[in-house]
Amino acid sequence: MSITRLTELKIVLETILLSSSEPLTLEQMRGVFDEDLGVDMLRRALDELRDEWQHRGLELATLADGWRFQTRQSFQRYLQRINPEKPPKYSRAVMETLAIIAYKQPVTRGDIEEIRGVTVNTQIIKTLEQRNWIKAVGHREVPGRPALYVTTAQLLSDLNLRALDELPPLAELGSLVAPNPYTAQLDLTGEE
């Protein structure tokens, strides 16, 4: 591929990525071009584009659900000053439930209740589903056929992660999984 063609490819990629409200997959980006563009060439162009944006306020990031331009973490405080929206706050029960699903998936509601030691409110599951952080992927073949829940690519994207193995070790979660006097002690490790 000629330098001019590579330059044009990077300009088109930069344009569609900056214009998209959602991360784009390699397949979505390939679909923009009339000719069949190889994945290797696309990755080369994306890598060069990432390098070109190295010393700017935005960065080209690879996440679980695709590629996107995002503000570098070091510049977030400036954005907060012009757009002081506070992210939604989630209850301890919601965060405990999400942590259990993330670290033990696939799990049923009964599994979550057994680990937490309390009944899981239906609204907790609905909240996590509405946020598109979890989804039901099937049913356990036991009486009642409870739904099996897993985390989604959207959760990973919202956490700036590419894969579940980038989640912090349980020991680093600190107060999120610390014992609560009102619930049973969480044991996500599976050890007795």
N, C-alpha and C. Protein backbone atom coordinates (compact mmCIF):
# COMPACT_ATOMS: atom_id res chain seq x y z
N MET A 1 0.86 -1.18 0.00
CA MET A 1 0.00 0.00 0.00
C MET A 1 0.89 1.23 0.00
N SER A 2 0.53 2.18 -0.81
CA SER A 2 1.34 3.40 -0.92
C SER A 2 1.16 4.27 0.31
N ILE A 3 2.13 5.17 0.50
CA ILE A 3 2.06 6.10 1.65
C ILE A 3 0.81 6.96 1.53
N THR A 4 0.48 7.39 0.32
CA THR A 4 -0.71 8.22 0.13
C THR A 4 -1.97 7.43 0.51
N ARG A 5 -2.03 6.16 0.13
CA ARG A 5 -3.19 5.32 0.44
C ARG A 5 -3.29 5.09 1.97
N LEU A 6 -2.16 4.85 2.62
CA LEU A 6 -2.15 4.66 4.07
C LEU A 6 -2.58 5.94 4.78
N THR A 7 -2.12 7.08 4.29
CA THR A 7 -2.52 8.37 4.87
C THR A 7 -4.02 8.58 4.74
N GLU A 8 -4.56 8.26 3.56
CA GLU A 8 -6.00 8.39 3.33
C GLU A 8 -6.78 7.44 4.26
N LEU A 9 -6.29 6.22 4.40
CA LEU A 9 -6.91 5.24 5.28
C LEU A 9 -6.96 5.76 6.72
N LYS A 10 -5.87 6.32 7.21
CA LYS A 10 -5.82 6.85 8.57
C LYS A 10 -6.78 8.02 8.74
N ILE A 11 -6.89 8.86 7.73
CA ILE A 11 -7.81 10.01 7.81
C ILE A 11 -9.25 9.53 7.91
N VAL A 12 -9.60 8.53 7.10
CA VAL A 12 -10.96 7.99 7.14
C VAL A 12 -11.23 7.35 8.50
N LEU A 13 -10.29 6.55 8.99
CA LEU A 13 -10.45 5.91 10.30
C LEU A 13 -10.59 6.94 11.41
N GLU A 14 -9.75 7.96 11.38
CA GLU A 14 -9.82 9.02 12.37
C GLU A 14 -11.19 9.69 12.34
N THR A 15 -11.70 9.95 11.16
CA THR A 15 -12.99 10.62 11.00
C THR A 15 -14.13 9.77 11.56
N ILE A 16 -14.16 8.48 11.17
CA ILE A 16 -15.28 7.66 11.64
C ILE A 16 -15.20 7.38 13.14
N LEU A 17 -14.00 7.24 13.65
CA LEU A 17 -13.85 6.99 15.09
C LEU A 17 -14.21 8.21 15.91
N LEU A 18 -13.81 9.38 15.45
CA LEU A 18 -14.15 10.61 16.19
C LEU A 18 -15.63 10.94 16.07
N SER A 19 -16.27 10.49 15.01
CA SER A 19 -17.68 10.80 14.79
C SER A 19 -18.62 9.80 15.44
N SER A 20 -18.12 8.64 15.78
CA SER A 20 -18.97 7.59 16.34
C SER A 20 -19.19 7.79 17.84
N SER A 21 -20.42 7.56 18.26
CA SER A 21 -20.72 7.67 19.69
C SER A 21 -20.40 6.37 20.43
N GLU A 22 -20.18 5.30 19.70
CA GLU A 22 -19.88 4.00 20.28
C GLU A 22 -18.56 3.48 19.73
N PRO A 23 -17.88 2.61 20.46
CA PRO A 23 -16.67 1.99 19.91
C PRO A 23 -17.00 1.22 18.63
N LEU A 24 -16.05 1.16 17.72
CA LEU A 24 -16.24 0.46 16.46
C LEU A 24 -15.36 -0.78 16.41
N THR A 25 -15.93 -1.87 15.92
CA THR A 25 -15.16 -3.10 15.76
C THR A 25 -14.36 -3.02 14.46
N LEU A 26 -13.40 -3.91 14.32
CA LEU A 26 -12.62 -3.97 13.08
C LEU A 26 -13.54 -4.24 11.90
N GLU A 27 -14.52 -5.10 12.07
CA GLU A 27 -15.45 -5.42 10.98
C GLU A 27 -16.26 -4.19 10.57
N GLN A 28 -16.71 -3.41 11.53
CA GLN A 28 -17.45 -2.19 11.21
C GLN A 28 -16.58 -1.22 10.44
N MET A 29 -15.33 -1.09 10.86
CA MET A 29 -14.42 -0.18 10.16
C MET A 29 -14.12 -0.68 8.75
N ARG A 30 -13.92 -1.99 8.60
CA ARG A 30 -13.66 -2.55 7.27
C ARG A 30 -14.83 -2.31 6.34
N GLY A 31 -16.06 -2.34 6.87
CA GLY A 31 -17.26 -2.16 6.07
C GLY A 31 -17.41 -0.76 5.48
N VAL A 32 -16.65 0.19 5.97
CA VAL A 32 -16.72 1.56 5.48
C VAL A 32 -16.08 1.70 4.10
N PHE A 33 -15.13 0.82 3.82
CA PHE A 33 -14.34 0.95 2.60
C PHE A 33 -14.96 0.14 1.46
N ASP A 34 -14.84 0.69 0.22
CA ASP A 34 -15.37 0.02 -0.96
C ASP A 34 -14.62 -1.27 -1.26
N GLU A 35 -13.31 -1.23 -1.16
CA GLU A 35 -12.51 -2.42 -1.46
C GLU A 35 -12.34 -3.27 -0.20
N ASP A 36 -11.95 -4.52 -0.40
CA ASP A 36 -11.73 -5.42 0.72
C ASP A 36 -10.41 -5.05 1.37
N LEU A 37 -10.49 -4.56 2.57
CA LEU A 37 -9.32 -4.10 3.31
C LEU A 37 -8.90 -5.20 4.28
N GLY A 38 -7.65 -5.62 4.23
CA GLY A 38 -7.16 -6.67 5.11
C GLY A 38 -7.08 -6.20 6.55
N VAL A 39 -7.28 -7.13 7.48
CA VAL A 39 -7.23 -6.82 8.90
C VAL A 39 -5.83 -6.33 9.29
N ASP A 40 -4.79 -6.92 8.69
CA ASP A 40 -3.43 -6.50 9.01
C ASP A 40 -3.19 -5.04 8.64
N MET A 41 -3.69 -4.63 7.47
CA MET A 41 -3.52 -3.24 7.04
C MET A 41 -4.32 -2.31 7.96
N LEU A 42 -5.51 -2.74 8.32
CA LEU A 42 -6.34 -1.94 9.21
C LEU A 42 -5.66 -1.76 10.57
N ARG A 43 -5.13 -2.84 11.12
CA ARG A 43 -4.43 -2.75 12.40
C ARG A 43 -3.19 -1.87 12.30
N ARG A 44 -2.48 -1.96 11.19
CA ARG A 44 -1.29 -1.11 10.99
C ARG A 44 -1.69 0.36 11.00
N ALA A 45 -2.76 0.67 10.28
CA ALA A 45 -3.23 2.06 10.23
C ALA A 45 -3.69 2.53 11.61
N LEU A 46 -4.39 1.67 12.34
CA LEU A 46 -4.85 2.04 13.68
C LEU A 46 -3.68 2.23 14.64
N ASP A 47 -2.67 1.37 14.53
CA ASP A 47 -1.48 1.51 15.38
C ASP A 47 -0.75 2.82 15.09
N GLU A 48 -0.63 3.17 13.81
CA GLU A 48 0.02 4.43 13.44
C GLU A 48 -0.80 5.62 13.92
N LEU A 49 -2.11 5.51 13.79
CA LEU A 49 -3.00 6.57 14.25
C LEU A 49 -2.87 6.75 15.76
N ARG A 50 -2.79 5.65 16.49
CA ARG A 50 -2.60 5.71 17.95
C ARG A 50 -1.29 6.43 18.28
N ASP A 51 -0.23 6.09 17.55
CA ASP A 51 1.07 6.74 17.77
C ASP A 51 1.01 8.23 17.49
N GLU A 52 0.29 8.63 16.45
CA GLU A 52 0.18 10.04 16.08
C GLU A 52 -0.56 10.84 17.15
N TRP A 53 -1.43 10.21 17.89
CA TRP A 53 -2.20 10.89 18.93
C TRP A 53 -1.55 10.74 20.30
N GLN A 54 -0.35 10.23 20.35
CA GLN A 54 0.36 9.93 21.60
C GLN A 54 0.45 11.11 22.56
N HIS A 55 0.68 12.30 22.05
CA HIS A 55 0.92 13.47 22.92
C HIS A 55 -0.23 14.48 22.83
N ARG A 56 -1.44 13.98 22.76
CA ARG A 56 -2.61 14.84 22.68
C ARG A 56 -3.55 14.51 23.84
N GLY A 57 -4.60 15.29 23.96
CA GLY A 57 -5.55 15.09 25.06
C GLY A 57 -6.44 13.89 24.86
N LEU A 58 -6.58 13.45 23.63
CA LEU A 58 -7.36 12.24 23.34
C LEU A 58 -6.41 11.11 23.01
N GLU A 59 -6.90 9.89 23.21
CA GLU A 59 -6.11 8.72 22.85
C GLU A 59 -7.01 7.73 22.13
N LEU A 60 -6.41 6.95 21.26
CA LEU A 60 -7.14 5.89 20.58
C LEU A 60 -7.00 4.64 21.45
N ALA A 61 -8.13 4.16 21.95
CA ALA A 61 -8.12 3.03 22.89
C ALA A 61 -8.78 1.81 22.27
N THR A 62 -8.25 0.65 22.62
CA THR A 62 -8.85 -0.63 22.24
C THR A 62 -9.56 -1.17 23.47
N LEU A 63 -10.85 -1.44 23.33
CA LEU A 63 -11.65 -1.94 24.43
C LEU A 63 -12.29 -3.26 24.04
N ALA A 64 -13.03 -3.83 24.95
CA ALA A 64 -13.66 -5.13 24.69
C ALA A 64 -14.62 -5.07 23.51
N ASP A 65 -15.30 -3.95 23.33
CA ASP A 65 -16.28 -3.88 22.25
C ASP A 65 -15.83 -3.04 21.06
N GLY A 66 -14.53 -2.76 20.94
CA GLY A 66 -14.03 -2.07 19.76
C GLY A 66 -13.02 -0.99 20.08
N TRP A 67 -12.83 -0.12 19.11
CA TRP A 67 -11.88 0.98 19.19
C TRP A 67 -12.64 2.28 19.33
N ARG A 68 -12.07 3.22 20.10
CA ARG A 68 -12.69 4.54 20.22
C ARG A 68 -11.64 5.55 20.64
N PHE A 69 -11.93 6.80 20.32
CA PHE A 69 -11.13 7.90 20.86
C PHE A 69 -11.75 8.27 22.19
N GLN A 70 -10.92 8.51 23.18
CA GLN A 70 -11.40 8.91 24.49
C GLN A 70 -10.42 9.89 25.11
N THR A 71 -10.92 10.65 26.06
CA THR A 71 -10.08 11.61 26.77
C THR A 71 -9.07 10.85 27.63
N ARG A 72 -7.84 11.31 27.60
CA ARG A 72 -6.83 10.71 28.47
C ARG A 72 -7.22 10.97 29.93
N GLN A 73 -6.93 10.02 30.77
CA GLN A 73 -7.29 10.11 32.19
C GLN A 73 -6.74 11.39 32.83
N SER A 74 -5.54 11.80 32.43
CA SER A 74 -4.92 12.98 33.03
C SER A 74 -5.66 14.28 32.71
N PHE A 75 -6.58 14.26 31.74
CA PHE A 75 -7.32 15.46 31.37
C PHE A 75 -8.77 15.43 31.85
N GLN A 76 -9.17 14.38 32.53
CA GLN A 76 -10.55 14.25 33.00
C GLN A 76 -10.97 15.39 33.93
N ARG A 77 -10.04 15.85 34.75
CA ARG A 77 -10.40 16.91 35.72
C ARG A 77 -10.83 18.19 35.02
N TYR A 78 -10.29 18.47 33.84
CA TYR A 78 -10.68 19.68 33.11
C TYR A 78 -12.09 19.53 32.55
N LEU A 79 -12.40 18.35 32.08
CA LEU A 79 -13.75 18.11 31.58
C LEU A 79 -14.78 18.22 32.69
N GLN A 80 -14.41 17.78 33.88
CA GLN A 80 -15.33 17.87 35.01
C GLN A 80 -15.69 19.32 35.32
N ARG A 81 -14.79 20.22 35.05
CA ARG A 81 -15.05 21.64 35.34
C ARG A 81 -16.06 22.24 34.38
N ILE A 82 -16.08 21.79 33.13
CA ILE A 82 -17.05 22.35 32.18
C ILE A 82 -18.32 21.52 32.10
N ASN A 83 -18.24 20.29 32.55
CA ASN A 83 -19.39 19.41 32.53
C ASN A 83 -19.42 18.65 33.86
N PRO A 84 -19.89 19.31 34.93
CA PRO A 84 -19.78 18.73 36.27
C PRO A 84 -20.79 17.61 36.58
N GLU A 85 -21.24 16.89 35.56
CA GLU A 85 -22.16 15.79 35.82
C GLU A 85 -21.48 14.74 36.69
N LYS A 86 -22.23 14.27 37.63
CA LYS A 86 -21.70 13.22 38.49
C LYS A 86 -22.19 11.88 37.95
N PRO A 87 -21.30 10.90 37.93
CA PRO A 87 -21.74 9.59 37.48
C PRO A 87 -22.76 9.02 38.46
N PRO A 88 -23.63 8.14 37.98
CA PRO A 88 -24.62 7.58 38.89
C PRO A 88 -23.94 6.81 40.02
N LYS A 89 -24.54 6.89 41.19
CA LYS A 89 -24.02 6.15 42.34
C LYS A 89 -24.84 4.87 42.47
N TYR A 90 -24.13 3.81 42.73
CA TYR A 90 -24.78 2.52 42.89
C TYR A 90 -24.64 2.05 44.32
N SER A 91 -25.68 1.38 44.79
CA SER A 91 -25.67 0.90 46.17
C SER A 91 -24.64 -0.20 46.35
N ARG A 92 -24.32 -0.44 47.58
CA ARG A 92 -23.39 -1.52 47.92
C ARG A 92 -23.91 -2.85 47.39
N ALA A 93 -25.22 -3.08 47.50
CA ALA A 93 -25.82 -4.33 47.04
C ALA A 93 -25.64 -4.50 45.53
N VAL A 94 -25.81 -3.42 44.77
CA VAL A 94 -25.61 -3.48 43.32
C VAL A 94 -24.15 -3.80 43.01
N MET A 95 -23.24 -3.14 43.68
CA MET A 95 -21.81 -3.35 43.41
C MET A 95 -21.35 -4.74 43.85
N GLU A 96 -21.88 -5.23 44.97
CA GLU A 96 -21.54 -6.60 45.41
C GLU A 96 -22.04 -7.61 44.39
N THR A 97 -23.26 -7.41 43.92
CA THR A 97 -23.85 -8.32 42.94
C THR A 97 -23.04 -8.31 41.64
N LEU A 98 -22.66 -7.12 41.19
CA LEU A 98 -21.85 -7.01 39.98
C LEU A 98 -20.50 -7.70 40.16
N ALA A 99 -19.87 -7.51 41.31
CA ALA A 99 -18.58 -8.15 41.57
C ALA A 99 -18.71 -9.67 41.56
N ILE A 100 -19.76 -10.19 42.15
CA ILE A 100 -19.96 -11.64 42.17
C ILE A 100 -20.13 -12.16 40.74
N ILE A 101 -20.94 -11.48 39.95
CA ILE A 101 -21.15 -11.92 38.57
C ILE A 101 -19.84 -11.84 37.79
N ALA A 102 -19.10 -10.76 37.95
CA ALA A 102 -17.85 -10.58 37.20
C ALA A 102 -16.81 -11.65 37.54
N TYR A 103 -16.70 -11.99 38.81
CA TYR A 103 -15.65 -12.91 39.23
C TYR A 103 -16.06 -14.39 39.24
N LYS A 104 -17.36 -14.67 39.24
CA LYS A 104 -17.82 -16.06 39.34
C LYS A 104 -18.67 -16.50 38.14
N GLN A 105 -18.80 -15.70 37.12
CA GLN A 105 -19.70 -16.00 36.02
C GLN A 105 -19.41 -17.32 35.32
N PRO A 106 -20.46 -17.94 34.80
CA PRO A 106 -21.87 -17.58 34.88
C PRO A 106 -22.46 -17.98 36.23
N VAL A 107 -23.34 -17.14 36.75
CA VAL A 107 -23.97 -17.40 38.04
C VAL A 107 -25.47 -17.17 37.95
N THR A 108 -26.18 -17.85 38.85
CA THR A 108 -27.63 -17.64 38.95
C THR A 108 -27.89 -16.68 40.11
N ARG A 109 -29.09 -16.25 40.18
CA ARG A 109 -29.50 -15.40 41.30
C ARG A 109 -29.31 -16.13 42.62
N GLY A 110 -29.59 -17.43 42.62
CA GLY A 110 -29.40 -18.25 43.82
C GLY A 110 -27.93 -18.29 44.24
N ASP A 111 -27.01 -18.37 43.26
CA ASP A 111 -25.58 -18.35 43.56
C ASP A 111 -25.21 -17.04 44.25
N ILE A 112 -25.74 -15.94 43.71
CA ILE A 112 -25.44 -14.61 44.25
C ILE A 112 -25.98 -14.52 45.68
N GLU A 113 -27.20 -15.01 45.88
CA GLU A 113 -27.80 -14.96 47.22
C GLU A 113 -27.01 -15.81 48.22
N GLU A 114 -26.50 -16.94 47.76
CA GLU A 114 -25.72 -17.81 48.64
C GLU A 114 -24.42 -17.11 49.06
N ILE A 115 -23.77 -16.44 48.13
CA ILE A 115 -22.51 -15.74 48.43
C ILE A 115 -22.76 -14.52 49.31
N ARG A 116 -23.78 -13.73 48.96
CA ARG A 116 -24.06 -12.51 49.73
C ARG A 116 -24.75 -12.80 51.04
N GLY A 117 -25.50 -13.90 51.12
CA GLY A 117 -26.20 -14.24 52.35
C GLY A 117 -27.52 -13.52 52.53
N VAL A 118 -27.97 -12.84 51.48
CA VAL A 118 -29.25 -12.14 51.52
C VAL A 118 -29.94 -12.32 50.17
N THR A 119 -31.23 -12.10 50.15
CA THR A 119 -32.01 -12.19 48.92
C THR A 119 -31.62 -11.05 47.97
N VAL A 120 -31.52 -11.36 46.69
CA VAL A 120 -31.19 -10.34 45.69
C VAL A 120 -32.49 -9.70 45.21
N ASN A 121 -32.60 -8.42 45.42
CA ASN A 121 -33.76 -7.67 44.97
C ASN A 121 -33.81 -7.68 43.44
N THR A 122 -34.98 -7.89 42.88
CA THR A 122 -35.15 -7.92 41.42
C THR A 122 -34.66 -6.63 40.79
N GLN A 123 -34.81 -5.51 41.48
CA GLN A 123 -34.38 -4.22 40.94
C GLN A 123 -32.87 -4.16 40.73
N ILE A 124 -32.11 -4.88 41.53
CA ILE A 124 -30.65 -4.90 41.37
C ILE A 124 -30.29 -5.51 40.03
N ILE A 125 -30.89 -6.65 39.72
CA ILE A 125 -30.63 -7.31 38.43
C ILE A 125 -31.10 -6.41 37.29
N LYS A 126 -32.27 -5.81 37.43
CA LYS A 126 -32.79 -4.92 36.38
C LYS A 126 -31.86 -3.73 36.16
N THR A 127 -31.35 -3.15 37.24
CA THR A 127 -30.43 -2.02 37.13
C THR A 127 -29.19 -2.40 36.33
N LEU A 128 -28.62 -3.56 36.64
CA LEU A 128 -27.42 -4.01 35.94
C LEU A 128 -27.72 -4.36 34.48
N GLU A 129 -28.89 -4.90 34.22
CA GLU A 129 -29.28 -5.21 32.84
C GLU A 129 -29.55 -3.93 32.05
N GLN A 130 -30.23 -2.96 32.67
CA GLN A 130 -30.52 -1.70 31.98
C GLN A 130 -29.24 -0.94 31.64
N ARG A 131 -28.27 -1.04 32.49
CA ARG A 131 -26.96 -0.41 32.24
C ARG A 131 -26.18 -1.19 31.18
N ASN A 132 -26.68 -2.37 30.82
CA ASN A 132 -26.04 -3.29 29.88
C ASN A 132 -24.69 -3.78 30.40
N TRP A 133 -24.63 -4.00 31.71
CA TRP A 133 -23.42 -4.53 32.32
C TRP A 133 -23.49 -6.03 32.50
N ILE A 134 -24.71 -6.58 32.56
CA ILE A 134 -24.88 -8.03 32.65
C ILE A 134 -25.96 -8.45 31.69
N LYS A 135 -25.96 -9.75 31.39
CA LYS A 135 -27.04 -10.30 30.57
C LYS A 135 -27.21 -11.77 30.92
N ALA A 136 -28.41 -12.28 30.66
CA ALA A 136 -28.70 -13.70 30.85
C ALA A 136 -28.26 -14.42 29.57
N VAL A 137 -27.51 -15.51 29.74
CA VAL A 137 -27.00 -16.23 28.56
C VAL A 137 -27.56 -17.64 28.46
N GLY A 138 -28.44 -17.99 29.33
CA GLY A 138 -29.02 -19.32 29.31
C GLY A 138 -29.64 -19.62 30.65
N HIS A 139 -29.89 -20.90 30.87
CA HIS A 139 -30.53 -21.33 32.12
C HIS A 139 -29.81 -22.56 32.64
N ARG A 140 -29.66 -22.62 33.95
CA ARG A 140 -29.06 -23.81 34.57
C ARG A 140 -30.11 -24.92 34.55
N GLU A 141 -29.68 -26.09 34.21
CA GLU A 141 -30.59 -27.24 34.09
C GLU A 141 -30.85 -27.86 35.46
N VAL A 142 -31.56 -27.12 36.29
CA VAL A 142 -32.01 -27.57 37.60
C VAL A 142 -33.47 -27.15 37.72
N PRO A 143 -34.20 -27.67 38.71
CA PRO A 143 -35.60 -27.26 38.86
C PRO A 143 -35.72 -25.73 38.91
N GLY A 144 -36.68 -25.24 38.18
CA GLY A 144 -36.91 -23.80 38.10
C GLY A 144 -36.12 -23.13 36.98
N ARG A 145 -35.11 -23.83 36.47
CA ARG A 145 -34.26 -23.33 35.38
C ARG A 145 -33.89 -21.85 35.54
N PRO A 146 -33.13 -21.52 36.59
CA PRO A 146 -32.76 -20.12 36.81
C PRO A 146 -31.83 -19.60 35.72
N ALA A 147 -31.95 -18.32 35.45
CA ALA A 147 -31.12 -17.66 34.43
C ALA A 147 -29.66 -17.63 34.88
N LEU A 148 -28.76 -17.79 33.92
CA LEU A 148 -27.32 -17.67 34.16
C LEU A 148 -26.88 -16.29 33.69
N TYR A 149 -26.23 -15.53 34.58
CA TYR A 149 -25.81 -14.17 34.28
C TYR A 149 -24.31 -14.09 34.06
N VAL A 150 -23.93 -13.26 33.09
CA VAL A 150 -22.52 -12.97 32.80
C VAL A 150 -22.40 -11.46 32.57
N THR A 151 -21.19 -10.97 32.61
CA THR A 151 -20.95 -9.56 32.30
C THR A 151 -20.88 -9.39 30.79
N THR A 152 -20.98 -8.14 30.35
CA THR A 152 -21.00 -7.82 28.93
C THR A 152 -19.75 -7.04 28.51
N ALA A 153 -19.57 -6.92 27.22
CA ALA A 153 -18.50 -6.10 26.68
C ALA A 153 -18.70 -4.63 27.08
N GLN A 154 -19.96 -4.22 27.25
CA GLN A 154 -20.24 -2.83 27.66
C GLN A 154 -19.64 -2.52 29.02
N LEU A 155 -19.73 -3.46 29.95
CA LEU A 155 -19.11 -3.26 31.27
C LEU A 155 -17.61 -3.07 31.12
N LEU A 156 -16.98 -3.94 30.36
CA LEU A 156 -15.53 -3.83 30.15
C LEU A 156 -15.18 -2.49 29.51
N SER A 157 -15.97 -2.09 28.53
CA SER A 157 -15.73 -0.81 27.86
C SER A 157 -15.88 0.35 28.84
N ASP A 158 -16.91 0.31 29.67
CA ASP A 158 -17.13 1.38 30.65
C ASP A 158 -16.00 1.43 31.67
N LEU A 159 -15.35 0.30 31.91
CA LEU A 159 -14.23 0.24 32.84
C LEU A 159 -12.88 0.40 32.15
N ASN A 160 -12.91 0.67 30.84
CA ASN A 160 -11.69 0.81 30.03
C ASN A 160 -10.84 -0.47 30.04
N LEU A 161 -11.50 -1.59 29.94
CA LEU A 161 -10.82 -2.88 29.92
C LEU A 161 -11.08 -3.59 28.59
N ARG A 162 -10.14 -4.45 28.21
CA ARG A 162 -10.32 -5.25 27.00
C ARG A 162 -10.85 -6.64 27.31
N ALA A 163 -10.52 -7.16 28.49
CA ALA A 163 -10.92 -8.51 28.87
C ALA A 163 -11.10 -8.61 30.37
N LEU A 164 -11.82 -9.62 30.81
CA LEU A 164 -12.06 -9.83 32.24
C LEU A 164 -10.79 -10.04 33.03
N ASP A 165 -9.76 -10.62 32.40
CA ASP A 165 -8.53 -10.86 33.16
C ASP A 165 -7.79 -9.58 33.51
N GLU A 166 -8.27 -8.43 32.99
CA GLU A 166 -7.69 -7.14 33.38
C GLU A 166 -8.36 -6.57 34.63
N LEU A 167 -9.40 -7.24 35.13
CA LEU A 167 -10.02 -6.80 36.39
C LEU A 167 -8.98 -6.93 37.50
N PRO A 168 -9.05 -6.07 38.50
CA PRO A 168 -8.08 -6.17 39.60
C PRO A 168 -8.29 -7.45 40.38
N PRO A 169 -7.24 -7.98 40.98
CA PRO A 169 -7.41 -9.16 41.84
C PRO A 169 -8.38 -8.82 42.97
N LEU A 170 -9.09 -9.82 43.44
CA LEU A 170 -10.09 -9.59 44.49
C LEU A 170 -9.51 -8.88 45.70
N ALA A 171 -8.28 -9.19 46.05
CA ALA A 171 -7.66 -8.57 47.23
C ALA A 171 -7.58 -7.05 47.10
N GLU A 172 -7.50 -6.55 45.86
CA GLU A 172 -7.39 -5.11 45.63
C GLU A 172 -8.73 -4.39 45.67
N LEU A 173 -9.83 -5.12 45.70
CA LEU A 173 -11.14 -4.48 45.69
C LEU A 173 -11.50 -3.86 47.03
N GLY A 174 -10.77 -4.22 48.08
CA GLY A 174 -10.93 -3.57 49.37
C GLY A 174 -12.33 -3.52 49.89
N SER A 175 -12.85 -2.33 50.10
CA SER A 175 -14.12 -2.15 50.78
C SER A 175 -15.30 -2.71 49.99
N LEU A 176 -15.15 -2.89 48.69
CA LEU A 176 -16.26 -3.43 47.91
C LEU A 176 -16.62 -4.83 48.37
N VAL A 177 -15.62 -5.61 48.69
CA VAL A 177 -15.90 -6.98 49.11
C VAL A 177 -15.59 -7.21 50.59
N ALA A 178 -15.36 -6.14 51.34
CA ALA A 178 -15.11 -6.26 52.78
C ALA A 178 -16.38 -6.71 53.47
N PRO A 179 -16.25 -7.37 54.58
CA PRO A 179 -17.44 -7.82 55.30
C PRO A 179 -18.35 -6.64 55.67
N ASN A 180 -19.60 -6.87 55.55
CA ASN A 180 -20.61 -5.88 55.90
C ASN A 180 -21.37 -6.45 57.09
N PRO A 181 -21.55 -5.69 58.16
CA PRO A 181 -22.24 -6.24 59.32
C PRO A 181 -23.67 -6.67 59.02
N TYR A 182 -24.26 -6.19 57.94
CA TYR A 182 -25.64 -6.51 57.61
C TYR A 182 -25.76 -7.66 56.60
N THR A 183 -24.64 -8.10 56.03
CA THR A 183 -24.69 -9.23 55.10
C THR A 183 -23.60 -10.21 55.47
N ALA A 184 -23.70 -11.39 54.93
CA ALA A 184 -22.65 -12.39 55.18
C ALA A 184 -21.35 -11.94 54.52
N GLN A 185 -20.26 -12.44 55.06
CA GLN A 185 -18.97 -12.10 54.48
C GLN A 185 -18.89 -12.68 53.07
N LEU A 186 -18.46 -11.86 52.13
CA LEU A 186 -18.35 -12.31 50.75
C LEU A 186 -17.12 -13.16 50.57
N ASP A 187 -17.29 -14.30 49.95
CA ASP A 187 -16.15 -15.15 49.62
C ASP A 187 -16.25 -15.46 48.14
N LEU A 188 -15.60 -14.64 47.32
CA LEU A 188 -15.65 -14.83 45.88
C LEU A 188 -14.57 -15.75 45.40
N THR A 189 -13.68 -16.15 46.26
CA THR A 189 -12.56 -16.99 45.83
C THR A 189 -12.97 -18.44 45.69
N GLY A 190 -14.07 -18.84 46.29
CA GLY A 190 -14.52 -20.21 46.24
C GLY A 190 -13.83 -21.09 47.27
N GLU A 191 -12.94 -20.50 48.07
CA GLU A 191 -12.24 -21.28 49.09
C GLU A 191 -13.11 -21.34 50.34
N GLU A 192 -13.03 -22.44 51.03
CA GLU A 192 -13.82 -22.60 52.26
C GLU A 192 -13.05 -22.10 53.45
